[in-house]
Each structure stands twice: as structure tokens, then as C-alpha cells.
Amino acid sequence: MATANLKLRAWAQLLRLPNAFTAVADPLAGWLIAGGGATPPLVLIMAASACLYTGGIVLNDCFDFDEDRRERPERPLPSVHVPRSAAWLVGAILLLTGIVLAILADRALIGVALAAGILFYNAFAKHHTGLGVLTLAGCRFGNLTLGLSQLHPAAFILAAYVAVLSLIARRETTKPGLQIIVRRLLLNLIVLDAVLVVVFTANWLGGATVLMLLVPAWALSRILKMT
């Protein structure tokens, strides 16, 4: 039983479950800003966002295995709590599932572009500060646009916030004190999404709905690392 719980926790850590709520907050906010619509597409775009984000996170750790083995051996892959082969498979399946869900939600171009951006970041861009920051900002831009389905100032505001967050997070390894700040900034992505809904639509109920995602994200962040 203890071994099973350990494996479940390792998978939950690998997937960065608290962060998934910050991801689905983006398309939900975008959908509300765009005026809403039929419920099924909303469910599909939120599921697509969750799959693309978690798939990208898992693949990121797969690409970083050698570095994590040296600097963060407690992580799920270098600690061997999660097999690398299983992580590669799950990451790929999640990414592909995200693309399929985006296609079903009539967001094919955005979904494919997001998946491409995620892979580009994991395999290459993150090794270059400027390019890595821009790529991450672009991915969040696309994530919000999943709900919007068109260009909107809100997506640019979110991208700018993520660019700053990414710059700070890059110093987290050498300055552990930044971990708390990064965690708060990650959680505040949900707050920002809620604020964007209110600012651009005056929809306070919609903003409150987005903000509710902060509860599970915060609760999970107390037991699982977000970075």
C-alpha cells in the first residue's frame, strides 16, 4: 500500500497537478471574455489545455533527465519512482490527446501550434534565456487563445506576465529563496485570468468562477511542488 501511494504521489508530482488548474483557467477566462457559447466546446478546450500542459510538463522532465539527475535527484524520474519509458509514453499520449481535443473543439490550428511550441521549448528553446522566455509566453498566449479563438489584448497581458515569471523562475535553482515567490506567481496566474475576465467583460460571476480554480490549485500546492 505504501509503495502504491508513493508511486501515485510521484506521478502527481511529475504531472505538476497544481499547475494544471492554472492551465485550464486560461481557456476558461478566454471563453468568458469571448462571450461564452455552447458548453461542450468549453469542456473540450479546458480538457485540451490540461492535456497539453501536463503532457508538456512530463516531457520537459524527460528531456531534463540528465540535468535533474545531477541537480534535482529527488524528482520522480531520477529517483526512479517513475520509469523514464513510462513518462515518455504518457507525455506523448497526453500531448496527442490535447491536439485531438483541440481539433474536436474546432481549435485545430491553435492546438497544433501549442503542441509545437511546447516541444520546441522542451527540446531547444529553454536552453536559451531569451528564446525560452518568449516561447513560454507564447504558449500561455496560445492557451488563453484556445478559449478566445481570436487575438485579444488579454492574451498579450497574460503573455507579458508569464515572461516575467519565466525570467524569475530561471534563477530558482541558484537562489532557492525564489521558490516561494515562483509558487505564488504561478498561483496568481489564476487570479490574473479572473481579473482579465472582470476588466474586459465586467462579468463578476465569471471572474469568480475562474477564481474558484485557485482553491484546488492552492491545496495541491501545499503537498506537491509546482516547479
Protein backbone atom coordinates (compact mmCIF):
# COMPACT_ATOMS: atom_id res chain seq x y z
CA MET A 1 0.00 0.00 0.00
CA ALA A 2 2.80 2.39 0.93
CA THR A 3 4.57 1.64 -2.36
CA ALA A 4 1.38 2.30 -4.34
CA ASN A 5 0.87 5.64 -2.55
CA LEU A 6 4.48 6.58 -3.24
CA LYS A 7 4.04 5.87 -6.95
CA LEU A 8 0.79 7.84 -7.11
CA ARG A 9 2.45 10.80 -5.42
CA ALA A 10 5.40 10.55 -7.80
CA TRP A 11 3.08 10.64 -10.82
CA ALA A 12 1.14 13.54 -9.33
CA GLN A 13 4.42 15.39 -8.85
CA LEU A 14 5.59 14.57 -12.36
CA LEU A 15 2.32 15.90 -13.80
CA ARG A 16 2.54 19.03 -11.60
CA LEU A 17 -1.16 18.69 -10.76
CA PRO A 18 -1.46 22.10 -9.01
CA ASN A 19 -0.25 23.78 -12.20
CA ALA A 20 -2.91 22.07 -14.29
CA PHE A 21 -5.53 24.32 -12.69
CA THR A 22 -3.56 27.40 -13.74
CA ALA A 23 -3.58 26.00 -17.27
CA VAL A 24 -7.33 25.36 -17.55
CA ALA A 25 -8.02 28.80 -16.07
CA ASP A 26 -6.65 30.35 -19.28
CA PRO A 27 -9.12 28.95 -21.83
CA LEU A 28 -11.97 29.33 -19.33
CA ALA A 29 -11.11 33.01 -18.99
CA GLY A 30 -10.74 33.34 -22.75
CA TRP A 31 -14.11 31.68 -23.31
CA LEU A 32 -15.78 34.09 -20.88
CA ILE A 33 -14.07 37.11 -22.42
CA ALA A 34 -15.25 35.98 -25.86
CA GLY A 35 -18.84 35.91 -24.62
CA GLY A 36 -19.27 32.22 -23.85
CA GLY A 37 -21.12 29.77 -26.05
CA ALA A 38 -22.13 26.14 -26.11
CA THR A 39 -20.95 24.09 -23.13
CA PRO A 40 -19.34 21.10 -24.94
CA PRO A 41 -16.65 23.18 -26.68
CA LEU A 42 -15.75 24.74 -23.31
CA VAL A 43 -15.28 21.30 -21.76
CA LEU A 44 -13.21 20.22 -24.74
CA ILE A 45 -10.91 23.26 -24.74
CA MET A 46 -10.33 23.01 -21.00
CA ALA A 47 -9.55 19.31 -21.32
CA ALA A 48 -7.28 20.05 -24.29
CA SER A 49 -5.43 22.66 -22.24
CA ALA A 50 -4.99 20.28 -19.31
CA CYS A 51 -3.65 17.52 -21.56
CA LEU A 52 -1.29 19.79 -23.49
CA TYR A 53 0.05 21.35 -20.31
CA THR A 54 0.57 18.14 -18.33
CA GLY A 55 1.96 16.37 -21.39
CA GLY A 56 4.44 19.18 -21.89
CA ILE A 57 5.45 19.12 -18.22
CA VAL A 58 6.08 15.37 -18.28
CA LEU A 59 8.10 15.60 -21.49
CA ASN A 60 10.05 18.52 -20.03
CA ASP A 61 11.25 16.30 -17.20
CA CYS A 62 12.07 13.56 -19.71
CA PHE A 63 14.27 15.95 -21.67
CA ASP A 64 15.84 17.23 -18.42
CA PHE A 65 16.63 13.78 -17.01
CA ASP A 66 20.43 14.10 -17.07
CA GLU A 67 20.36 17.59 -15.57
CA ASP A 68 17.87 16.57 -12.87
CA ARG A 69 19.95 13.50 -12.02
CA ARG A 70 22.81 15.88 -11.15
CA GLU A 71 20.93 18.80 -9.60
CA ARG A 72 17.47 17.51 -8.53
CA PRO A 73 17.86 13.77 -7.84
CA GLU A 74 14.71 13.76 -5.67
CA ARG A 75 12.46 14.31 -8.70
CA PRO A 76 10.26 11.40 -9.89
CA LEU A 77 12.42 10.35 -12.85
CA PRO A 78 15.97 10.45 -11.44
CA SER A 79 14.70 8.91 -8.18
CA VAL A 80 13.28 6.06 -10.31
CA HIS A 81 9.83 6.36 -8.73
CA VAL A 82 8.53 6.78 -12.29
CA PRO A 83 10.17 4.81 -15.15
CA ARG A 84 11.51 7.03 -17.94
CA SER A 85 9.92 4.87 -20.62
CA ALA A 86 6.51 5.25 -18.98
CA ALA A 87 6.99 9.02 -18.67
CA TRP A 88 7.88 9.38 -22.37
CA LEU A 89 4.80 7.36 -23.30
CA VAL A 90 2.40 9.21 -21.01
CA GLY A 91 3.77 12.61 -22.05
CA ALA A 92 3.35 11.77 -25.75
CA ILE A 93 -0.17 10.40 -25.23
CA LEU A 94 -1.24 13.48 -23.27
CA LEU A 95 0.15 15.83 -25.93
CA LEU A 96 -1.57 13.93 -28.74
CA THR A 97 -4.81 13.78 -26.76
CA GLY A 98 -4.64 17.54 -26.29
CA ILE A 99 -4.31 18.04 -30.04
CA VAL A 100 -7.26 15.72 -30.76
CA LEU A 101 -9.44 17.52 -28.20
CA ALA A 102 -8.49 20.89 -29.69
CA ILE A 103 -9.46 19.63 -33.13
CA LEU A 104 -12.82 18.41 -31.79
CA ALA A 105 -13.37 21.83 -30.24
CA ASP A 106 -12.70 23.47 -33.62
CA ARG A 107 -9.36 24.85 -32.37
CA ALA A 108 -7.12 22.68 -34.55
CA LEU A 109 -4.63 25.38 -35.56
CA ILE A 110 -4.21 26.69 -32.02
CA GLY A 111 -3.90 23.19 -30.58
CA VAL A 112 -1.25 22.10 -33.07
CA ALA A 113 0.64 25.39 -32.63
CA LEU A 114 0.58 24.96 -28.85
CA ALA A 115 1.88 21.40 -29.04
CA ALA A 116 4.62 22.52 -31.42
CA GLY A 117 5.57 25.37 -29.10
CA ILE A 118 5.72 23.01 -26.12
CA LEU A 119 8.00 20.58 -27.94
CA PHE A 120 10.18 23.40 -29.25
CA TYR A 121 10.59 24.77 -25.74
CA ASN A 122 11.39 21.40 -24.18
CA ALA A 123 13.85 20.29 -26.83
CA PHE A 124 15.62 23.56 -27.63
CA ALA A 125 14.29 26.97 -26.56
CA LYS A 126 14.64 26.53 -22.79
CA HIS A 127 18.42 26.33 -23.17
CA HIS A 128 18.45 29.95 -24.40
CA THR A 129 17.12 32.54 -21.97
CA GLY A 130 15.51 35.00 -24.37
CA LEU A 131 14.08 32.37 -26.68
CA GLY A 132 12.88 30.27 -23.77
CA VAL A 133 11.07 33.18 -22.15
CA LEU A 134 9.40 34.17 -25.42
CA THR A 135 8.37 30.59 -26.15
CA LEU A 136 6.78 30.09 -22.74
CA ALA A 137 4.98 33.42 -23.05
CA GLY A 138 3.79 32.38 -26.49
CA CYS A 139 2.47 29.08 -25.16
CA ARG A 140 0.40 30.84 -22.49
CA PHE A 141 -0.75 33.29 -25.16
CA GLY A 142 -1.97 30.33 -27.20
CA ASN A 143 -3.52 28.67 -24.16
CA LEU A 144 -5.74 31.69 -23.47
CA THR A 145 -6.50 31.93 -27.18
CA LEU A 146 -7.89 28.38 -27.05
CA GLY A 147 -10.88 29.96 -25.33
CA LEU A 148 -10.88 33.21 -27.27
CA SER A 149 -10.38 31.66 -30.75
CA GLN A 150 -9.03 35.06 -31.91
CA LEU A 151 -6.46 37.69 -30.97
CA HIS A 152 -7.31 39.76 -27.92
CA PRO A 153 -5.37 42.19 -25.66
CA ALA A 154 -5.95 39.85 -22.71
CA ALA A 155 -3.66 37.26 -24.29
CA PHE A 156 -0.85 39.81 -24.60
CA ILE A 157 -1.22 40.80 -20.94
CA LEU A 158 -1.03 37.17 -19.84
CA ALA A 159 1.99 36.56 -22.08
CA ALA A 160 3.82 39.55 -20.55
CA TYR A 161 3.13 38.25 -17.03
CA VAL A 162 4.44 34.80 -17.95
CA ALA A 163 7.56 36.29 -19.50
CA VAL A 164 8.39 37.99 -16.20
CA LEU A 165 7.54 34.83 -14.26
CA SER A 166 9.80 32.77 -16.53
CA LEU A 167 12.73 35.13 -16.02
CA ILE A 168 12.38 34.87 -12.24
CA ALA A 169 11.93 31.08 -12.33
CA ARG A 170 15.16 30.66 -14.28
CA ARG A 171 17.09 31.79 -11.19
CA GLU A 172 15.23 29.42 -8.88
CA THR A 173 17.90 26.68 -8.95
CA THR A 174 20.71 29.01 -7.87
CA LYS A 175 18.52 31.01 -5.47
CA PRO A 176 16.21 28.59 -3.59
CA GLY A 177 14.59 31.52 -1.80
CA LEU A 178 12.82 32.35 -5.03
CA GLN A 179 10.81 29.11 -4.89
CA ILE A 180 8.11 30.65 -2.71
CA ILE A 181 7.88 33.68 -4.99
CA VAL A 182 7.62 31.50 -8.08
CA ARG A 183 4.91 29.39 -6.44
CA ARG A 184 2.89 32.50 -5.64
CA LEU A 185 3.34 33.88 -9.13
CA LEU A 186 2.18 30.58 -10.62
CA LEU A 187 -0.93 30.54 -8.44
CA ASN A 188 -1.59 34.17 -9.29
CA LEU A 189 -1.98 33.18 -12.94
CA ILE A 190 -5.50 32.14 -11.92
CA VAL A 191 -6.04 35.48 -10.20
CA LEU A 192 -4.85 37.30 -13.30
CA ASP A 193 -7.22 35.31 -15.50
CA ALA A 194 -10.11 36.19 -13.19
CA VAL A 195 -9.13 39.87 -13.25
CA LEU A 196 -8.94 39.84 -17.06
CA VAL A 197 -12.48 38.48 -17.24
CA VAL A 198 -13.77 41.25 -15.00
CA VAL A 199 -11.80 44.02 -16.69
CA PHE A 200 -12.79 43.09 -20.25
CA THR A 201 -16.37 41.95 -19.63
CA ALA A 202 -17.47 43.31 -16.22
CA ASN A 203 -18.63 39.74 -15.61
CA TRP A 204 -18.03 39.41 -11.88
CA LEU A 205 -19.67 35.99 -11.70
CA GLY A 206 -17.42 34.76 -14.50
CA GLY A 207 -14.38 36.18 -12.75
CA ALA A 208 -15.41 34.44 -9.52
CA THR A 209 -15.85 31.16 -11.42
CA VAL A 210 -12.29 31.36 -12.72
CA LEU A 211 -11.02 32.34 -9.28
CA MET A 212 -12.55 29.18 -7.77
CA LEU A 213 -9.83 27.19 -9.54
CA LEU A 214 -7.40 28.76 -7.09
CA VAL A 215 -8.79 26.57 -4.27
CA PRO A 216 -7.70 23.15 -5.62
CA ALA A 217 -4.50 24.63 -7.06
CA TRP A 218 -3.53 26.13 -3.70
CA ALA A 219 -4.50 22.99 -1.77
CA LEU A 220 -2.43 20.73 -4.01
CA SER A 221 0.50 23.16 -3.98
CA ARG A 222 0.76 22.57 -0.23
CA ILE A 223 1.72 18.93 -0.80
CA LEU A 224 3.20 18.94 -4.31
CA LYS A 225 5.91 21.14 -5.79
CA MET A 226 4.88 23.39 -8.66
CA THR A 227 8.34 23.56 -10.26
